[in-house]
Amino acid sequence: MIEFALCIPLLMLFIFGIIYFGRTFYTKQIVTMSVQEGARMACRLPDLSNSVSRDYVRGFTVTGQALNSNSPIYQALAAGHLLSGPQGSSGDLPPGSTVSILPWDDGSVALPAGTVGVRIQYPFVFIGSAFPGNQSPHGQMNVWMGPGGPPVPFLDTVITEQAVATQEVVY
């Protein structure tokens, strides 16, 4: 019993660490696939200076409200169950998310001539949900490491991914 009591904090740290990194990696891969698909689609459109064209590619407003469920970005995030609707397969992005077609939606980003980029910022929450009303009542997850030891936090963060592609449109 004493050996078990001494080992349980370390065992819990390993278990929650595996779950944390697995969930983080999964979310990051979905966001990465979304920006790659968005950049692939954006590089083929002739008029990205038009906000309607950018909205079509994004599938969301710049701040994450759903506009076009046929967008490759929307489809990829819906397939990964990262949206606000039932079971995450439809709806808006969580508050704090942004979807940008670069350089038009963010003038501070300098890209080489003839290239287009897509950037997604997605808030990652380990315990609970990033959507209002779905958060965990327990807040942030910490693993206790024994008397006098500092707790090990599992941090919530913002996952940011960006992809750039050369424009393929022939005029």
N, C-alpha and C. Protein backbone atom coordinates (compact mmCIF):
# COMPACT_ATOMS: atom_id res chain seq x y z
N MET A 1 0.83 -1.19 0.00
CA MET A 1 0.00 0.00 0.00
C MET A 1 0.87 1.25 0.00
N ILE A 2 1.94 1.23 0.76
CA ILE A 2 2.82 2.40 0.83
C ILE A 2 3.51 2.61 -0.52
N GLU A 3 3.97 1.53 -1.13
CA GLU A 3 4.61 1.64 -2.44
C GLU A 3 3.63 2.17 -3.48
N PHE A 4 2.40 1.70 -3.42
CA PHE A 4 1.38 2.18 -4.35
C PHE A 4 1.13 3.67 -4.14
N ALA A 5 1.03 4.09 -2.89
CA ALA A 5 0.79 5.50 -2.58
C ALA A 5 1.94 6.38 -3.05
N LEU A 6 3.14 5.86 -3.00
CA LEU A 6 4.29 6.63 -3.47
C LEU A 6 4.38 6.67 -4.99
N CYS A 7 3.90 5.63 -5.65
CA CYS A 7 4.00 5.55 -7.12
C CYS A 7 2.82 6.20 -7.84
N ILE A 8 1.68 6.33 -7.20
CA ILE A 8 0.48 6.81 -7.89
C ILE A 8 0.63 8.21 -8.48
N PRO A 9 1.31 9.18 -7.81
CA PRO A 9 1.45 10.50 -8.47
C PRO A 9 2.22 10.42 -9.78
N LEU A 10 3.28 9.65 -9.80
CA LEU A 10 4.07 9.52 -11.01
C LEU A 10 3.29 8.77 -12.10
N LEU A 11 2.56 7.75 -11.71
CA LEU A 11 1.73 7.02 -12.65
C LEU A 11 0.65 7.92 -13.26
N MET A 12 0.03 8.74 -12.42
CA MET A 12 -1.00 9.68 -12.91
C MET A 12 -0.38 10.71 -13.85
N LEU A 13 0.84 11.17 -13.54
CA LEU A 13 1.52 12.12 -14.42
C LEU A 13 1.75 11.49 -15.79
N PHE A 14 2.19 10.25 -15.84
CA PHE A 14 2.40 9.57 -17.12
C PHE A 14 1.09 9.40 -17.88
N ILE A 15 0.04 8.98 -17.21
CA ILE A 15 -1.24 8.75 -17.87
C ILE A 15 -1.81 10.05 -18.43
N PHE A 16 -1.84 11.11 -17.60
CA PHE A 16 -2.38 12.38 -18.08
C PHE A 16 -1.46 13.02 -19.12
N GLY A 17 -0.16 12.79 -19.01
CA GLY A 17 0.76 13.29 -20.02
C GLY A 17 0.51 12.66 -21.37
N ILE A 18 0.27 11.37 -21.40
CA ILE A 18 -0.03 10.68 -22.65
C ILE A 18 -1.34 11.20 -23.25
N ILE A 19 -2.34 11.37 -22.42
CA ILE A 19 -3.63 11.87 -22.90
C ILE A 19 -3.49 13.31 -23.40
N TYR A 20 -2.78 14.15 -22.64
CA TYR A 20 -2.59 15.56 -23.01
C TYR A 20 -1.88 15.68 -24.35
N PHE A 21 -0.74 15.02 -24.49
CA PHE A 21 0.02 15.15 -25.73
C PHE A 21 -0.71 14.49 -26.90
N GLY A 22 -1.44 13.43 -26.66
CA GLY A 22 -2.23 12.81 -27.72
C GLY A 22 -3.31 13.74 -28.22
N ARG A 23 -4.02 14.36 -27.30
CA ARG A 23 -5.10 15.28 -27.70
C ARG A 23 -4.54 16.54 -28.37
N THR A 24 -3.42 17.05 -27.85
CA THR A 24 -2.78 18.22 -28.46
C THR A 24 -2.31 17.89 -29.88
N PHE A 25 -1.67 16.75 -30.04
CA PHE A 25 -1.17 16.33 -31.35
C PHE A 25 -2.32 16.14 -32.34
N TYR A 26 -3.40 15.54 -31.90
CA TYR A 26 -4.57 15.33 -32.77
C TYR A 26 -5.12 16.68 -33.24
N THR A 27 -5.32 17.62 -32.31
CA THR A 27 -5.86 18.93 -32.67
C THR A 27 -4.91 19.66 -33.61
N LYS A 28 -3.62 19.60 -33.32
CA LYS A 28 -2.63 20.27 -34.17
C LYS A 28 -2.62 19.67 -35.58
N GLN A 29 -2.76 18.38 -35.70
CA GLN A 29 -2.79 17.74 -37.02
C GLN A 29 -4.02 18.16 -37.82
N ILE A 30 -5.17 18.25 -37.17
CA ILE A 30 -6.40 18.69 -37.86
C ILE A 30 -6.25 20.13 -38.34
N VAL A 31 -5.72 21.00 -37.49
CA VAL A 31 -5.53 22.41 -37.88
C VAL A 31 -4.50 22.50 -39.01
N THR A 32 -3.44 21.71 -38.95
CA THR A 32 -2.43 21.71 -40.01
C THR A 32 -3.04 21.27 -41.34
N MET A 33 -3.81 20.20 -41.32
CA MET A 33 -4.46 19.73 -42.55
C MET A 33 -5.41 20.80 -43.09
N SER A 34 -6.10 21.50 -42.20
CA SER A 34 -7.04 22.55 -42.62
C SER A 34 -6.34 23.69 -43.34
N VAL A 35 -5.21 24.16 -42.80
CA VAL A 35 -4.50 25.27 -43.45
C VAL A 35 -3.89 24.82 -44.78
N GLN A 36 -3.44 23.58 -44.86
CA GLN A 36 -2.88 23.09 -46.11
C GLN A 36 -3.95 23.01 -47.20
N GLU A 37 -5.12 22.49 -46.84
CA GLU A 37 -6.22 22.42 -47.80
C GLU A 37 -6.69 23.81 -48.20
N GLY A 38 -6.74 24.73 -47.24
CA GLY A 38 -7.13 26.11 -47.55
C GLY A 38 -6.15 26.79 -48.47
N ALA A 39 -4.86 26.61 -48.23
CA ALA A 39 -3.83 27.21 -49.10
C ALA A 39 -3.90 26.60 -50.49
N ARG A 40 -4.13 25.31 -50.56
CA ARG A 40 -4.24 24.63 -51.87
C ARG A 40 -5.42 25.21 -52.67
N MET A 41 -6.53 25.46 -51.99
CA MET A 41 -7.71 26.03 -52.67
C MET A 41 -7.48 27.51 -53.01
N ALA A 42 -6.89 28.26 -52.09
CA ALA A 42 -6.70 29.69 -52.30
C ALA A 42 -5.74 29.98 -53.45
N CYS A 43 -4.74 29.13 -53.64
CA CYS A 43 -3.77 29.38 -54.70
C CYS A 43 -4.39 29.21 -56.09
N ARG A 44 -5.58 28.65 -56.17
CA ARG A 44 -6.24 28.43 -57.47
C ARG A 44 -7.32 29.46 -57.79
N LEU A 45 -7.61 30.36 -56.84
CA LEU A 45 -8.64 31.37 -57.08
C LEU A 45 -8.02 32.64 -57.64
N PRO A 46 -8.66 33.25 -58.65
CA PRO A 46 -8.05 34.40 -59.32
C PRO A 46 -8.19 35.73 -58.57
N ASP A 47 -9.19 35.92 -57.72
CA ASP A 47 -9.45 37.25 -57.17
C ASP A 47 -9.56 37.21 -55.65
N LEU A 48 -8.46 36.95 -54.97
CA LEU A 48 -8.50 36.92 -53.51
C LEU A 48 -8.54 38.30 -52.88
N SER A 49 -8.35 39.36 -53.68
CA SER A 49 -8.50 40.70 -53.12
C SER A 49 -9.97 41.00 -52.82
N ASN A 50 -10.88 40.22 -53.39
CA ASN A 50 -12.31 40.33 -53.14
C ASN A 50 -12.64 39.56 -51.85
N SER A 51 -13.28 40.22 -50.90
CA SER A 51 -13.58 39.58 -49.61
C SER A 51 -14.52 38.38 -49.75
N VAL A 52 -15.38 38.37 -50.76
CA VAL A 52 -16.29 37.24 -50.98
C VAL A 52 -15.50 35.99 -51.36
N SER A 53 -14.47 36.15 -52.18
CA SER A 53 -13.62 35.01 -52.55
C SER A 53 -12.89 34.46 -51.33
N ARG A 54 -12.38 35.36 -50.50
CA ARG A 54 -11.68 34.91 -49.27
C ARG A 54 -12.65 34.22 -48.32
N ASP A 55 -13.87 34.74 -48.19
CA ASP A 55 -14.87 34.09 -47.34
C ASP A 55 -15.19 32.69 -47.85
N TYR A 56 -15.23 32.52 -49.18
CA TYR A 56 -15.51 31.21 -49.77
C TYR A 56 -14.42 30.20 -49.39
N VAL A 57 -13.18 30.61 -49.44
CA VAL A 57 -12.07 29.71 -49.10
C VAL A 57 -12.05 29.42 -47.61
N ARG A 58 -12.18 30.48 -46.80
CA ARG A 58 -12.12 30.32 -45.34
C ARG A 58 -13.25 29.45 -44.82
N GLY A 59 -14.45 29.71 -45.28
CA GLY A 59 -15.62 29.02 -44.74
C GLY A 59 -16.10 29.64 -43.44
N PHE A 60 -15.35 30.60 -42.94
CA PHE A 60 -15.66 31.29 -41.69
C PHE A 60 -15.36 32.77 -41.89
N THR A 61 -15.93 33.60 -41.00
CA THR A 61 -15.46 34.98 -40.96
C THR A 61 -14.05 34.95 -40.38
N VAL A 62 -13.37 36.07 -40.39
CA VAL A 62 -12.01 36.12 -39.84
C VAL A 62 -12.03 35.70 -38.37
N THR A 63 -13.12 35.97 -37.66
CA THR A 63 -13.20 35.65 -36.23
C THR A 63 -13.84 34.30 -35.92
N GLY A 64 -14.17 33.51 -36.94
CA GLY A 64 -14.60 32.13 -36.70
C GLY A 64 -16.07 31.79 -36.79
N GLN A 65 -16.93 32.71 -37.26
CA GLN A 65 -18.34 32.36 -37.45
C GLN A 65 -18.50 31.67 -38.80
N ALA A 66 -19.28 30.60 -38.83
CA ALA A 66 -19.44 29.80 -40.04
C ALA A 66 -20.12 30.58 -41.15
N LEU A 67 -19.59 30.46 -42.39
CA LEU A 67 -20.18 31.10 -43.57
C LEU A 67 -20.46 30.11 -44.69
N ASN A 68 -19.52 29.19 -44.93
CA ASN A 68 -19.60 28.31 -46.09
C ASN A 68 -19.20 26.89 -45.66
N SER A 69 -20.16 26.02 -45.54
CA SER A 69 -19.87 24.66 -45.08
C SER A 69 -19.22 23.81 -46.18
N ASN A 70 -19.09 24.34 -47.40
CA ASN A 70 -18.43 23.62 -48.47
C ASN A 70 -16.95 23.97 -48.60
N SER A 71 -16.48 24.89 -47.79
CA SER A 71 -15.08 25.30 -47.83
C SER A 71 -14.18 24.15 -47.40
N PRO A 72 -12.98 24.01 -47.98
CA PRO A 72 -12.08 22.94 -47.55
C PRO A 72 -11.63 23.10 -46.10
N ILE A 73 -11.49 24.34 -45.64
CA ILE A 73 -11.09 24.56 -44.25
C ILE A 73 -12.22 24.12 -43.32
N TYR A 74 -13.45 24.54 -43.64
CA TYR A 74 -14.61 24.14 -42.83
C TYR A 74 -14.74 22.62 -42.80
N GLN A 75 -14.62 21.99 -43.96
CA GLN A 75 -14.78 20.53 -44.05
C GLN A 75 -13.72 19.80 -43.22
N ALA A 76 -12.47 20.26 -43.26
CA ALA A 76 -11.41 19.60 -42.51
C ALA A 76 -11.61 19.76 -41.00
N LEU A 77 -11.99 20.95 -40.55
CA LEU A 77 -12.24 21.16 -39.12
C LEU A 77 -13.47 20.40 -38.65
N ALA A 78 -14.49 20.30 -39.51
CA ALA A 78 -15.69 19.54 -39.16
C ALA A 78 -15.37 18.05 -39.08
N ALA A 79 -14.54 17.55 -39.99
CA ALA A 79 -14.16 16.13 -39.96
C ALA A 79 -13.39 15.80 -38.69
N GLY A 80 -12.66 16.77 -38.15
CA GLY A 80 -11.92 16.57 -36.90
C GLY A 80 -12.73 16.87 -35.66
N HIS A 81 -14.01 17.21 -35.83
CA HIS A 81 -14.92 17.50 -34.71
C HIS A 81 -14.41 18.65 -33.84
N LEU A 82 -13.96 19.73 -34.49
CA LEU A 82 -13.45 20.89 -33.77
C LEU A 82 -14.37 22.10 -33.84
N LEU A 83 -15.63 21.91 -34.23
CA LEU A 83 -16.58 23.01 -34.35
C LEU A 83 -17.60 22.98 -33.23
N SER A 84 -18.44 24.01 -33.13
CA SER A 84 -19.34 24.18 -31.99
C SER A 84 -20.62 23.37 -32.04
N GLY A 85 -21.00 22.88 -33.20
CA GLY A 85 -22.29 22.20 -33.35
C GLY A 85 -22.33 20.82 -32.72
N PRO A 86 -23.40 20.07 -33.01
CA PRO A 86 -23.54 18.74 -32.44
C PRO A 86 -22.34 17.86 -32.80
N GLN A 87 -21.70 17.34 -31.81
CA GLN A 87 -20.55 16.45 -31.93
C GLN A 87 -19.40 17.08 -32.69
N GLY A 88 -19.38 18.42 -32.78
CA GLY A 88 -18.26 19.14 -33.37
C GLY A 88 -18.17 19.07 -34.87
N SER A 89 -19.20 18.57 -35.53
CA SER A 89 -19.12 18.40 -36.98
C SER A 89 -19.78 19.52 -37.78
N SER A 90 -20.27 20.55 -37.12
CA SER A 90 -20.83 21.72 -37.79
C SER A 90 -20.80 22.89 -36.82
N GLY A 91 -20.98 24.10 -37.34
CA GLY A 91 -21.06 25.27 -36.48
C GLY A 91 -19.86 26.18 -36.59
N ASP A 92 -19.65 26.99 -35.55
CA ASP A 92 -18.60 28.00 -35.52
C ASP A 92 -17.33 27.44 -34.86
N LEU A 93 -16.26 28.21 -34.98
CA LEU A 93 -15.04 27.93 -34.25
C LEU A 93 -15.17 28.51 -32.85
N PRO A 94 -14.39 28.05 -31.88
CA PRO A 94 -14.49 28.60 -30.52
C PRO A 94 -14.04 30.06 -30.48
N PRO A 95 -14.53 30.82 -29.48
CA PRO A 95 -14.09 32.21 -29.34
C PRO A 95 -12.57 32.27 -29.21
N GLY A 96 -11.98 33.26 -29.85
CA GLY A 96 -10.54 33.38 -29.84
C GLY A 96 -9.88 32.78 -31.07
N SER A 97 -10.67 32.07 -31.89
CA SER A 97 -10.13 31.48 -33.12
C SER A 97 -10.09 32.54 -34.21
N THR A 98 -9.12 32.43 -35.09
CA THR A 98 -9.07 33.28 -36.27
C THR A 98 -8.68 32.44 -37.47
N VAL A 99 -9.23 32.80 -38.62
CA VAL A 99 -8.89 32.17 -39.89
C VAL A 99 -8.56 33.32 -40.84
N SER A 100 -7.32 33.35 -41.33
CA SER A 100 -6.87 34.47 -42.16
C SER A 100 -6.32 33.98 -43.48
N ILE A 101 -6.69 34.69 -44.55
CA ILE A 101 -6.09 34.49 -45.86
C ILE A 101 -5.03 35.59 -45.99
N LEU A 102 -3.79 35.20 -46.13
CA LEU A 102 -2.68 36.15 -46.10
C LEU A 102 -2.25 36.51 -47.51
N PRO A 103 -1.87 37.71 -47.76
CA PRO A 103 -1.67 38.85 -46.87
C PRO A 103 -2.89 39.75 -46.72
N TRP A 104 -4.03 39.41 -47.32
CA TRP A 104 -5.19 40.31 -47.33
C TRP A 104 -5.81 40.50 -45.95
N ASP A 105 -5.97 39.46 -45.16
CA ASP A 105 -6.63 39.58 -43.86
C ASP A 105 -5.69 40.07 -42.77
N ASP A 106 -4.39 40.05 -43.01
CA ASP A 106 -3.41 40.52 -42.03
C ASP A 106 -2.29 41.20 -42.79
N GLY A 107 -2.38 42.50 -42.90
CA GLY A 107 -1.41 43.27 -43.67
C GLY A 107 -0.02 43.27 -43.09
N SER A 108 0.16 42.83 -41.85
CA SER A 108 1.49 42.83 -41.24
C SER A 108 2.34 41.65 -41.71
N VAL A 109 1.72 40.69 -42.42
CA VAL A 109 2.45 39.52 -42.91
C VAL A 109 2.96 39.81 -44.31
N ALA A 110 4.27 39.69 -44.50
CA ALA A 110 4.87 39.91 -45.81
C ALA A 110 5.14 38.55 -46.45
N LEU A 111 4.52 38.31 -47.60
CA LEU A 111 4.74 37.08 -48.35
C LEU A 111 5.40 37.43 -49.69
N PRO A 112 6.18 36.52 -50.25
CA PRO A 112 6.76 36.78 -51.56
C PRO A 112 5.66 36.98 -52.61
N ALA A 113 5.98 37.74 -53.64
CA ALA A 113 5.01 37.99 -54.71
C ALA A 113 4.58 36.66 -55.34
N GLY A 114 3.29 36.55 -55.61
CA GLY A 114 2.76 35.35 -56.26
C GLY A 114 2.46 34.22 -55.30
N THR A 115 2.49 34.48 -54.01
CA THR A 115 2.14 33.44 -53.03
C THR A 115 0.94 33.88 -52.21
N VAL A 116 0.26 32.92 -51.67
CA VAL A 116 -0.89 33.16 -50.81
C VAL A 116 -0.73 32.26 -49.59
N GLY A 117 -1.21 32.71 -48.45
CA GLY A 117 -1.08 31.92 -47.24
C GLY A 117 -2.40 31.82 -46.50
N VAL A 118 -2.49 30.82 -45.65
CA VAL A 118 -3.65 30.63 -44.78
C VAL A 118 -3.11 30.40 -43.38
N ARG A 119 -3.69 31.10 -42.40
CA ARG A 119 -3.28 30.93 -41.00
C ARG A 119 -4.53 30.71 -40.15
N ILE A 120 -4.46 29.70 -39.28
CA ILE A 120 -5.54 29.42 -38.33
C ILE A 120 -4.95 29.46 -36.93
N GLN A 121 -5.64 30.16 -36.05
CA GLN A 121 -5.32 30.14 -34.62
C GLN A 121 -6.50 29.50 -33.91
N TYR A 122 -6.24 28.41 -33.20
CA TYR A 122 -7.31 27.63 -32.56
C TYR A 122 -6.97 27.44 -31.09
N PRO A 123 -7.85 27.87 -30.16
CA PRO A 123 -7.56 27.70 -28.73
C PRO A 123 -7.73 26.24 -28.31
N PHE A 124 -6.67 25.67 -27.76
CA PHE A 124 -6.69 24.29 -27.29
C PHE A 124 -6.97 24.29 -25.79
N VAL A 125 -7.95 23.51 -25.37
CA VAL A 125 -8.30 23.35 -23.97
C VAL A 125 -8.21 21.87 -23.63
N PHE A 126 -7.40 21.53 -22.62
CA PHE A 126 -7.19 20.12 -22.28
C PHE A 126 -8.40 19.49 -21.62
N ILE A 127 -8.90 20.12 -20.58
CA ILE A 127 -10.05 19.59 -19.85
C ILE A 127 -11.26 20.44 -20.21
N GLY A 128 -12.29 19.81 -20.73
CA GLY A 128 -13.50 20.53 -21.08
C GLY A 128 -13.50 20.94 -22.54
N SER A 129 -14.03 22.12 -22.81
CA SER A 129 -14.23 22.58 -24.17
C SER A 129 -13.87 24.05 -24.27
N ALA A 130 -13.44 24.48 -25.45
CA ALA A 130 -13.11 25.88 -25.69
C ALA A 130 -14.36 26.72 -25.97
N PHE A 131 -15.53 26.08 -26.05
CA PHE A 131 -16.76 26.78 -26.36
C PHE A 131 -17.46 27.24 -25.09
N PRO A 132 -18.03 28.47 -25.11
CA PRO A 132 -18.75 28.96 -23.92
C PRO A 132 -19.90 28.01 -23.56
N GLY A 133 -20.07 27.79 -22.28
CA GLY A 133 -21.13 26.92 -21.80
C GLY A 133 -20.73 25.46 -21.74
N ASN A 134 -19.60 25.10 -22.35
CA ASN A 134 -19.14 23.71 -22.35
C ASN A 134 -17.85 23.53 -21.56
N GLN A 135 -17.40 24.58 -20.87
CA GLN A 135 -16.15 24.46 -20.13
C GLN A 135 -16.30 23.53 -18.94
N SER A 136 -15.19 22.96 -18.55
CA SER A 136 -15.15 22.10 -17.38
C SER A 136 -15.30 22.96 -16.13
N PRO A 137 -16.06 22.52 -15.15
CA PRO A 137 -16.17 23.29 -13.92
C PRO A 137 -14.89 23.23 -13.09
N HIS A 138 -13.97 22.35 -13.46
CA HIS A 138 -12.76 22.16 -12.67
C HIS A 138 -11.61 23.05 -13.09
N GLY A 139 -11.70 23.71 -14.24
CA GLY A 139 -10.65 24.60 -14.69
C GLY A 139 -9.44 23.85 -15.20
N GLN A 140 -8.26 24.39 -14.94
CA GLN A 140 -7.02 23.81 -15.44
C GLN A 140 -6.64 22.55 -14.67
N MET A 141 -6.02 21.61 -15.38
CA MET A 141 -5.61 20.34 -14.79
C MET A 141 -4.18 20.44 -14.26
N ASN A 142 -3.97 20.05 -12.99
CA ASN A 142 -2.66 19.98 -12.38
C ASN A 142 -2.49 18.61 -11.76
N VAL A 143 -1.27 18.09 -11.81
CA VAL A 143 -0.97 16.82 -11.15
C VAL A 143 -0.14 17.11 -9.92
N TRP A 144 -0.62 16.67 -8.77
CA TRP A 144 0.06 16.88 -7.49
C TRP A 144 1.27 15.97 -7.42
N MET A 145 2.43 16.51 -7.04
CA MET A 145 3.66 15.74 -7.02
C MET A 145 4.16 15.45 -5.62
N GLY A 146 3.29 15.50 -4.65
CA GLY A 146 3.68 15.15 -3.29
C GLY A 146 3.82 16.38 -2.41
N PRO A 147 4.02 16.14 -1.12
CA PRO A 147 4.12 17.27 -0.19
C PRO A 147 5.33 18.14 -0.50
N GLY A 148 5.09 19.43 -0.58
CA GLY A 148 6.16 20.38 -0.84
C GLY A 148 6.56 20.49 -2.30
N GLY A 149 6.07 19.61 -3.14
CA GLY A 149 6.40 19.66 -4.56
C GLY A 149 5.42 20.52 -5.32
N PRO A 150 5.89 21.26 -6.31
CA PRO A 150 4.97 22.09 -7.09
C PRO A 150 4.10 21.22 -7.99
N PRO A 151 2.84 21.60 -8.19
CA PRO A 151 1.99 20.82 -9.11
C PRO A 151 2.47 20.99 -10.55
N VAL A 152 2.28 19.97 -11.34
CA VAL A 152 2.65 20.01 -12.76
C VAL A 152 1.40 20.39 -13.55
N PRO A 153 1.39 21.58 -14.19
CA PRO A 153 0.19 22.00 -14.92
C PRO A 153 0.16 21.45 -16.34
N PHE A 154 -1.03 21.18 -16.82
CA PHE A 154 -1.26 20.85 -18.22
C PHE A 154 -1.91 22.09 -18.81
N LEU A 155 -1.14 22.84 -19.57
CA LEU A 155 -1.54 24.16 -20.00
C LEU A 155 -2.48 24.15 -21.19
N ASP A 156 -3.42 25.09 -21.17
CA ASP A 156 -4.24 25.38 -22.33
C ASP A 156 -3.44 26.37 -23.17
N THR A 157 -3.55 26.28 -24.47
CA THR A 157 -2.73 27.12 -25.35
C THR A 157 -3.49 27.42 -26.64
N VAL A 158 -2.92 28.26 -27.46
CA VAL A 158 -3.47 28.54 -28.78
C VAL A 158 -2.58 27.85 -29.80
N ILE A 159 -3.18 26.99 -30.60
CA ILE A 159 -2.46 26.30 -31.67
C ILE A 159 -2.53 27.19 -32.91
N THR A 160 -1.38 27.56 -33.44
CA THR A 160 -1.31 28.40 -34.63
C THR A 160 -0.58 27.66 -35.72
N GLU A 161 -1.22 27.55 -36.86
CA GLU A 161 -0.61 26.90 -38.03
C GLU A 161 -0.78 27.81 -39.24
N GLN A 162 0.21 27.76 -40.13
CA GLN A 162 0.17 28.58 -41.34
C GLN A 162 0.75 27.77 -42.49
N ALA A 163 0.12 27.89 -43.66
CA ALA A 163 0.62 27.24 -44.88
C ALA A 163 0.65 28.28 -45.99
N VAL A 164 1.64 28.18 -46.85
CA VAL A 164 1.81 29.10 -47.96
C VAL A 164 1.90 28.29 -49.26
N ALA A 165 1.28 28.81 -50.32
CA ALA A 165 1.32 28.16 -51.63
C ALA A 165 1.53 29.19 -52.72
N THR A 166 2.13 28.77 -53.82
CA THR A 166 2.31 29.64 -54.96
C THR A 166 1.02 29.68 -55.76
N GLN A 167 0.60 30.89 -56.15
CA GLN A 167 -0.64 31.01 -56.90
C GLN A 167 -0.50 30.33 -58.26
N GLU A 168 -1.54 29.58 -58.64
CA GLU A 168 -1.53 28.81 -59.87
C GLU A 168 -2.48 29.37 -60.92
N VAL A 169 -3.09 30.49 -60.64
CA VAL A 169 -4.09 31.04 -61.53
C VAL A 169 -3.41 31.64 -62.75
N VAL A 170 -3.90 31.27 -63.92
CA VAL A 170 -3.38 31.80 -65.18
C VAL A 170 -4.41 32.81 -65.71
N TYR A 171 -3.97 34.02 -65.96
CA TYR A 171 -4.89 35.06 -66.42
C TYR A 171 -4.98 35.09 -67.91
